Amino acid sequence: LSNADIIFGGAEYMLTSFALKHPGMID
């Protein structure tokens, strides 16, 4: 939350879930 440059997922739904859980974090 403080220093991430890149986030990856182990499946498409995982990154989507992450984006929904942390709105605005992923471009």
PDB file of all heavy atoms in Angstrom:
ATOM      1  N   LEU A   1       0.819  -1.213   0.000  1.00  0.00           N
ATOM      2  CA  LEU A   1       0.000   0.000   0.000  1.00  0.00           C
ATOM      3  C   LEU A   1       0.853   1.262   0.000  1.00  0.00           C
ATOM      4  O   LEU A   1       0.398   2.324  -0.434  1.00  0.00           O
ATOM      5  CB  LEU A   1      -0.939   0.003   1.205  1.00  0.00           C
ATOM      6  CG  LEU A   1      -2.114  -0.985   1.138  1.00  0.00           C
ATOM      7  CD1 LEU A   1      -2.845  -1.030   2.469  1.00  0.00           C
ATOM      8  CD2 LEU A   1      -3.078  -0.613   0.009  1.00  0.00           C
ATOM      9  N   SER A   2       2.098   1.126   0.460  1.00  0.00           N
ATOM     10  CA  SER A   2       2.957   2.307   0.527  1.00  0.00           C
ATOM     11  C   SER A   2       3.996   2.396  -0.587  1.00  0.00           C
ATOM     12  O   SER A   2       4.393   3.490  -0.975  1.00  0.00           O
ATOM     13  CB  SER A   2       3.672   2.355   1.885  1.00  0.00           C
ATOM     14  OG  SER A   2       4.537   1.243   2.036  1.00  0.00           O
ATOM     15  N   ASN A   3       4.430   1.220  -1.130  1.00  0.00           N
ATOM     16  CA  ASN A   3       5.527   1.313  -2.099  1.00  0.00           C
ATOM     17  C   ASN A   3       5.380   0.460  -3.364  1.00  0.00           C
ATOM     18  O   ASN A   3       6.302   0.416  -4.180  1.00  0.00           O
ATOM     19  CB  ASN A   3       6.857   0.957  -1.421  1.00  0.00           C
ATOM     20  CG  ASN A   3       6.921  -0.502  -0.955  1.00  0.00           C
ATOM     21  OD1 ASN A   3       6.087  -1.334  -1.331  1.00  0.00           O
ATOM     22  ND2 ASN A   3       7.919  -0.820  -0.131  1.00  0.00           N
ATOM     23  N   ALA A   4       4.268  -0.200  -3.568  1.00  0.00           N
ATOM     24  CA  ALA A   4       4.135  -1.099  -4.720  1.00  0.00           C
ATOM     25  C   ALA A   4       4.213  -0.359  -6.051  1.00  0.00           C
ATOM     26  O   ALA A   4       3.530   0.648  -6.252  1.00  0.00           O
ATOM     27  CB  ALA A   4       2.835  -1.875  -4.640  1.00  0.00           C
ATOM     28  N   ASP A   5       5.049  -0.866  -6.933  1.00  0.00           N
ATOM     29  CA  ASP A   5       5.095  -0.368  -8.312  1.00  0.00           C
ATOM     30  C   ASP A   5       4.257  -1.242  -9.232  1.00  0.00           C
ATOM     31  O   ASP A   5       3.654  -0.758 -10.194  1.00  0.00           O
ATOM     32  CB  ASP A   5       6.543  -0.361  -8.822  1.00  0.00           C
ATOM     33  CG  ASP A   5       7.406   0.632  -8.091  1.00  0.00           C
ATOM     34  OD1 ASP A   5       7.152   1.848  -8.219  1.00  0.00           O
ATOM     35  OD2 ASP A   5       8.339   0.203  -7.368  1.00  0.00           O
ATOM     36  N   ILE A   6       4.248  -2.550  -8.933  1.00  0.00           N
ATOM     37  CA  ILE A   6       3.587  -3.524  -9.800  1.00  0.00           C
ATOM     38  C   ILE A   6       2.853  -4.544  -8.927  1.00  0.00           C
ATOM     39  O   ILE A   6       3.363  -4.975  -7.892  1.00  0.00           O
ATOM     40  CB  ILE A   6       4.609  -4.253 -10.693  1.00  0.00           C
ATOM     41  CG1 ILE A   6       5.260  -3.271 -11.682  1.00  0.00           C
ATOM     42  CG2 ILE A   6       3.963  -5.405 -11.451  1.00  0.00           C
ATOM     43  CD1 ILE A   6       6.400  -3.884 -12.487  1.00  0.00           C
ATOM     44  N   ILE A   7       1.667  -4.947  -9.372  1.00  0.00           N
ATOM     45  CA  ILE A   7       0.907  -6.019  -8.731  1.00  0.00           C
ATOM     46  C   ILE A   7       0.608  -7.072  -9.796  1.00  0.00           C
ATOM     47  O   ILE A   7       0.221  -6.735 -10.914  1.00  0.00           O
ATOM     48  CB  ILE A   7      -0.432  -5.510  -8.136  1.00  0.00           C
ATOM     49  CG1 ILE A   7      -0.195  -4.403  -7.110  1.00  0.00           C
ATOM     50  CG2 ILE A   7      -1.219  -6.661  -7.532  1.00  0.00           C
ATOM     51  CD1 ILE A   7       0.446  -4.867  -5.821  1.00  0.00           C
ATOM     52  N   PHE A   8       0.786  -8.344  -9.448  1.00  0.00           N
ATOM     53  CA  PHE A   8       0.435  -9.414 -10.390  1.00  0.00           C
ATOM     54  C   PHE A   8      -0.540 -10.376  -9.722  1.00  0.00           C
ATOM     55  O   PHE A   8      -0.701 -10.389  -8.500  1.00  0.00           O
ATOM     56  CB  PHE A   8       1.688 -10.155 -10.884  1.00  0.00           C
ATOM     57  CG  PHE A   8       2.485 -10.851  -9.810  1.00  0.00           C
ATOM     58  CD1 PHE A   8       2.185 -12.159  -9.429  1.00  0.00           C
ATOM     59  CD2 PHE A   8       3.558 -10.221  -9.196  1.00  0.00           C
ATOM     60  CE1 PHE A   8       2.920 -12.803  -8.444  1.00  0.00           C
ATOM     61  CE2 PHE A   8       4.312 -10.857  -8.215  1.00  0.00           C
ATOM     62  CZ  PHE A   8       3.985 -12.158  -7.830  1.00  0.00           C
ATOM     63  N   GLY A   9      -1.202 -11.175 -10.544  1.00  0.00           N
ATOM     64  CA  GLY A   9      -2.166 -12.154 -10.038  1.00  0.00           C
ATOM     65  C   GLY A   9      -1.842 -13.543 -10.533  1.00  0.00           C
ATOM     66  O   GLY A   9      -1.116 -13.721 -11.515  1.00  0.00           O
ATOM     67  N   GLY A  10      -2.392 -14.550  -9.851  1.00  0.00           N
ATOM     68  CA  GLY A  10      -2.216 -15.933 -10.270  1.00  0.00           C
ATOM     69  C   GLY A  10      -3.309 -16.393 -11.205  1.00  0.00           C
ATOM     70  O   GLY A  10      -3.284 -17.517 -11.711  1.00  0.00           O
ATOM     71  N   ALA A  11      -4.281 -15.536 -11.439  1.00  0.00           N
ATOM     72  CA  ALA A  11      -5.382 -15.766 -12.381  1.00  0.00           C
ATOM     73  C   ALA A  11      -6.039 -14.410 -12.603  1.00  0.00           C
ATOM     74  O   ALA A  11      -5.898 -13.502 -11.779  1.00  0.00           O
ATOM     75  CB  ALA A  11      -6.389 -16.769 -11.816  1.00  0.00           C
ATOM     76  N   GLU A  12      -6.762 -14.266 -13.694  1.00  0.00           N
ATOM     77  CA  GLU A  12      -7.377 -12.977 -13.994  1.00  0.00           C
ATOM     78  C   GLU A  12      -8.327 -12.542 -12.878  1.00  0.00           C
ATOM     79  O   GLU A  12      -8.358 -11.373 -12.497  1.00  0.00           O
ATOM     80  CB  GLU A  12      -8.119 -13.041 -15.334  1.00  0.00           C
ATOM     81  CG  GLU A  12      -7.202 -13.075 -16.554  1.00  0.00           C
ATOM     82  CD  GLU A  12      -6.480 -11.747 -16.784  1.00  0.00           C
ATOM     83  OE1 GLU A  12      -6.938 -10.713 -16.253  1.00  0.00           O
ATOM     84  OE2 GLU A  12      -5.463 -11.747 -17.483  1.00  0.00           O
ATOM     85  N   TYR A  13      -9.097 -13.485 -12.346  1.00  0.00           N
ATOM     86  CA  TYR A  13     -10.055 -13.094 -11.321  1.00  0.00           C
ATOM     87  C   TYR A  13      -9.358 -12.596 -10.061  1.00  0.00           C
ATOM     88  O   TYR A  13      -9.913 -11.781  -9.315  1.00  0.00           O
ATOM     89  CB  TYR A  13     -11.008 -14.254 -10.985  1.00  0.00           C
ATOM     90  CG  TYR A  13     -10.453 -15.290 -10.035  1.00  0.00           C
ATOM     91  CD1 TYR A  13     -10.481 -15.075  -8.653  1.00  0.00           C
ATOM     92  CD2 TYR A  13      -9.929 -16.488 -10.506  1.00  0.00           C
ATOM     93  CE1 TYR A  13      -9.988 -16.029  -7.770  1.00  0.00           C
ATOM     94  CE2 TYR A  13      -9.438 -17.430  -9.636  1.00  0.00           C
ATOM     95  CZ  TYR A  13      -9.476 -17.208  -8.262  1.00  0.00           C
ATOM     96  OH  TYR A  13      -8.983 -18.148  -7.400  1.00  0.00           O
ATOM     97  N   MET A  14      -8.126 -13.049  -9.812  1.00  0.00           N
ATOM     98  CA  MET A  14      -7.405 -12.626  -8.618  1.00  0.00           C
ATOM     99  C   MET A  14      -7.030 -11.156  -8.683  1.00  0.00           C
ATOM    100  O   MET A  14      -7.185 -10.419  -7.710  1.00  0.00           O
ATOM    101  CB  MET A  14      -6.149 -13.486  -8.419  1.00  0.00           C
ATOM    102  CG  MET A  14      -6.420 -14.914  -8.051  1.00  0.00           C
ATOM    103  SD  MET A  14      -4.898 -15.826  -7.681  1.00  0.00           S
ATOM    104  CE  MET A  14      -4.477 -15.127  -6.080  1.00  0.00           C
ATOM    105  N   LEU A  15      -6.550 -10.701  -9.837  1.00  0.00           N
ATOM    106  CA  LEU A  15      -6.190  -9.289  -9.962  1.00  0.00           C
ATOM    107  C   LEU A  15      -7.433  -8.411  -9.967  1.00  0.00           C
ATOM    108  O   LEU A  15      -7.431  -7.303  -9.426  1.00  0.00           O
ATOM    109  CB  LEU A  15      -5.358  -9.056 -11.220  1.00  0.00           C
ATOM    110  CG  LEU A  15      -4.693  -7.680 -11.317  1.00  0.00           C
ATOM    111  CD1 LEU A  15      -3.760  -7.436 -10.127  1.00  0.00           C
ATOM    112  CD2 LEU A  15      -3.916  -7.533 -12.622  1.00  0.00           C
ATOM    113  N   THR A  16      -8.508  -8.918 -10.556  1.00  0.00           N
ATOM    114  CA  THR A  16      -9.770  -8.173 -10.531  1.00  0.00           C
ATOM    115  C   THR A  16     -10.270  -8.027  -9.096  1.00  0.00           C
ATOM    116  O   THR A  16     -10.696  -6.942  -8.683  1.00  0.00           O
ATOM    117  CB  THR A  16     -10.828  -8.886 -11.388  1.00  0.00           C
ATOM    118  OG1 THR A  16     -10.386  -8.923 -12.754  1.00  0.00           O
ATOM    119  CG2 THR A  16     -12.167  -8.164 -11.310  1.00  0.00           C
ATOM    120  N   SER A  17     -10.209  -9.107  -8.333  1.00  0.00           N
ATOM    121  CA  SER A  17     -10.637  -9.057  -6.935  1.00  0.00           C
ATOM    122  C   SER A  17      -9.775  -8.088  -6.138  1.00  0.00           C
ATOM    123  O   SER A  17     -10.274  -7.339  -5.289  1.00  0.00           O
ATOM    124  CB  SER A  17     -10.564 -10.455  -6.306  1.00  0.00           C
ATOM    125  OG  SER A  17     -11.476 -11.335  -6.924  1.00  0.00           O
ATOM    126  N   PHE A  18      -8.460  -8.090  -6.418  1.00  0.00           N
ATOM    127  CA  PHE A  18      -7.561  -7.175  -5.729  1.00  0.00           C
ATOM    128  C   PHE A  18      -7.936  -5.732  -6.035  1.00  0.00           C
ATOM    129  O   PHE A  18      -7.970  -4.876  -5.141  1.00  0.00           O
ATOM    130  CB  PHE A  18      -6.120  -7.447  -6.155  1.00  0.00           C
ATOM    131  CG  PHE A  18      -5.108  -6.584  -5.456  1.00  0.00           C
ATOM    132  CD1 PHE A  18      -4.527  -6.984  -4.263  1.00  0.00           C
ATOM    133  CD2 PHE A  18      -4.740  -5.347  -5.990  1.00  0.00           C
ATOM    134  CE1 PHE A  18      -3.606  -6.176  -3.610  1.00  0.00           C
ATOM    135  CE2 PHE A  18      -3.816  -4.535  -5.341  1.00  0.00           C
ATOM    136  CZ  PHE A  18      -3.248  -4.958  -4.147  1.00  0.00           C
ATOM    137  N   ALA A  19      -8.217  -5.456  -7.305  1.00  0.00           N
ATOM    138  CA  ALA A  19      -8.569  -4.087  -7.710  1.00  0.00           C
ATOM    139  C   ALA A  19      -9.873  -3.633  -7.056  1.00  0.00           C
ATOM    140  O   ALA A  19     -10.015  -2.466  -6.671  1.00  0.00           O
ATOM    141  CB  ALA A  19      -8.682  -4.014  -9.230  1.00  0.00           C
ATOM    142  N   LEU A  20     -10.817  -4.547  -6.913  1.00  0.00           N
ATOM    143  CA  LEU A  20     -12.085  -4.203  -6.264  1.00  0.00           C
ATOM    144  C   LEU A  20     -11.895  -3.973  -4.770  1.00  0.00           C
ATOM    145  O   LEU A  20     -12.558  -3.111  -4.178  1.00  0.00           O
ATOM    146  CB  LEU A  20     -13.103  -5.324  -6.496  1.00  0.00           C
ATOM    147  CG  LEU A  20     -13.607  -5.503  -7.929  1.00  0.00           C
ATOM    148  CD1 LEU A  20     -14.443  -6.771  -8.044  1.00  0.00           C
ATOM    149  CD2 LEU A  20     -14.409  -4.283  -8.374  1.00  0.00           C
ATOM    150  N   LYS A  21     -10.999  -4.728  -4.182  1.00  0.00           N
ATOM    151  CA  LYS A  21     -10.743  -4.622  -2.743  1.00  0.00           C
ATOM    152  C   LYS A  21      -9.958  -3.357  -2.409  1.00  0.00           C
ATOM    153  O   LYS A  21     -10.102  -2.793  -1.320  1.00  0.00           O
ATOM    154  CB  LYS A  21      -9.983  -5.862  -2.269  1.00  0.00           C
ATOM    155  CG  LYS A  21      -9.799  -5.967  -0.780  1.00  0.00           C
ATOM    156  CD  LYS A  21      -9.112  -7.272  -0.420  1.00  0.00           C
ATOM    157  CE  LYS A  21      -8.903  -7.414   1.073  1.00  0.00           C
ATOM    158  NZ  LYS A  21      -8.205  -8.699   1.402  1.00  0.00           N
ATOM    159  N   HIS A  22      -9.115  -2.924  -3.366  1.00  0.00           N
ATOM    160  CA  HIS A  22      -8.272  -1.742  -3.144  1.00  0.00           C
ATOM    161  C   HIS A  22      -8.499  -0.748  -4.285  1.00  0.00           C
ATOM    162  O   HIS A  22      -7.633  -0.556  -5.152  1.00  0.00           O
ATOM    163  CB  HIS A  22      -6.801  -2.155  -3.074  1.00  0.00           C
ATOM    164  CG  HIS A  22      -6.514  -3.207  -2.049  1.00  0.00           C
ATOM    165  ND1 HIS A  22      -6.471  -2.948  -0.702  1.00  0.00           N
ATOM    166  CD2 HIS A  22      -6.283  -4.543  -2.188  1.00  0.00           C
ATOM    167  CE1 HIS A  22      -6.206  -4.060  -0.044  1.00  0.00           C
ATOM    168  NE2 HIS A  22      -6.093  -5.040  -0.908  1.00  0.00           N
ATOM    169  N   PRO A  23      -9.646  -0.126  -4.326  1.00  0.00           N
ATOM    170  CA  PRO A  23      -9.988   0.771  -5.441  1.00  0.00           C
ATOM    171  C   PRO A  23      -8.989   1.908  -5.598  1.00  0.00           C
ATOM    172  O   PRO A  23      -8.539   2.504  -4.625  1.00  0.00           O
ATOM    173  CB  PRO A  23     -11.379   1.300  -5.052  1.00  0.00           C
ATOM    174  CG  PRO A  23     -11.488   1.070  -3.579  1.00  0.00           C
ATOM    175  CD  PRO A  23     -10.705  -0.165  -3.297  1.00  0.00           C
ATOM    176  N   GLY A  24      -8.638   2.160  -6.860  1.00  0.00           N
ATOM    177  CA  GLY A  24      -7.725   3.245  -7.174  1.00  0.00           C
ATOM    178  C   GLY A  24      -6.258   2.887  -7.081  1.00  0.00           C
ATOM    179  O   GLY A  24      -5.408   3.690  -7.466  1.00  0.00           O
ATOM    180  N   MET A  25      -5.954   1.683  -6.612  1.00  0.00           N
ATOM    181  CA  MET A  25      -4.543   1.339  -6.453  1.00  0.00           C
ATOM    182  C   MET A  25      -3.889   0.944  -7.777  1.00  0.00           C
ATOM    183  O   MET A  25      -2.743   1.288  -8.051  1.00  0.00           O
ATOM    184  CB  MET A  25      -4.384   0.203  -5.448  1.00  0.00           C
ATOM    185  CG  MET A  25      -2.930  -0.125  -5.125  1.00  0.00           C
ATOM    186  SD  MET A  25      -2.797  -1.274  -3.744  1.00  0.00           S
ATOM    187  CE  MET A  25      -1.004  -1.487  -3.678  1.00  0.00           C
ATOM    188  N   ILE A  26      -4.627   0.233  -8.608  1.00  0.00           N
ATOM    189  CA  ILE A  26      -4.078  -0.251  -9.875  1.00  0.00           C
ATOM    190  C   ILE A  26      -4.494   0.667 -11.021  1.00  0.00           C
ATOM    191  O   ILE A  26      -5.651   1.094 -11.106  1.00  0.00           O
ATOM    192  CB  ILE A  26      -4.564  -1.696 -10.158  1.00  0.00           C
ATOM    193  CG1 ILE A  26      -3.886  -2.675  -9.202  1.00  0.00           C
ATOM    194  CG2 ILE A  26      -4.307  -2.096 -11.600  1.00  0.00           C
ATOM    195  CD1 ILE A  26      -4.363  -4.099  -9.359  1.00  0.00           C
ATOM    196  N   ASP A  27      -3.546   0.945 -11.898  1.00  0.00           N
ATOM    197  CA  ASP A  27      -3.834   1.694 -13.115  1.00  0.00           C
ATOM    198  C   ASP A  27      -4.345   0.688 -14.147  1.00  0.00           C
ATOM    199  O   ASP A  27      -3.566  -0.039 -14.764  1.00  0.00           O
ATOM    200  CB  ASP A  27      -2.563   2.380 -13.617  1.00  0.00           C
ATOM    201  CG  ASP A  27      -2.790   3.187 -14.893  1.00  0.00           C
ATOM    202  OD1 ASP A  27      -3.894   3.107 -15.470  1.00  0.00           O
ATOM    203  OD2 ASP A  27      -1.846   3.876 -15.321  1.00  0.00           O
TER     204      ASP A  27
END
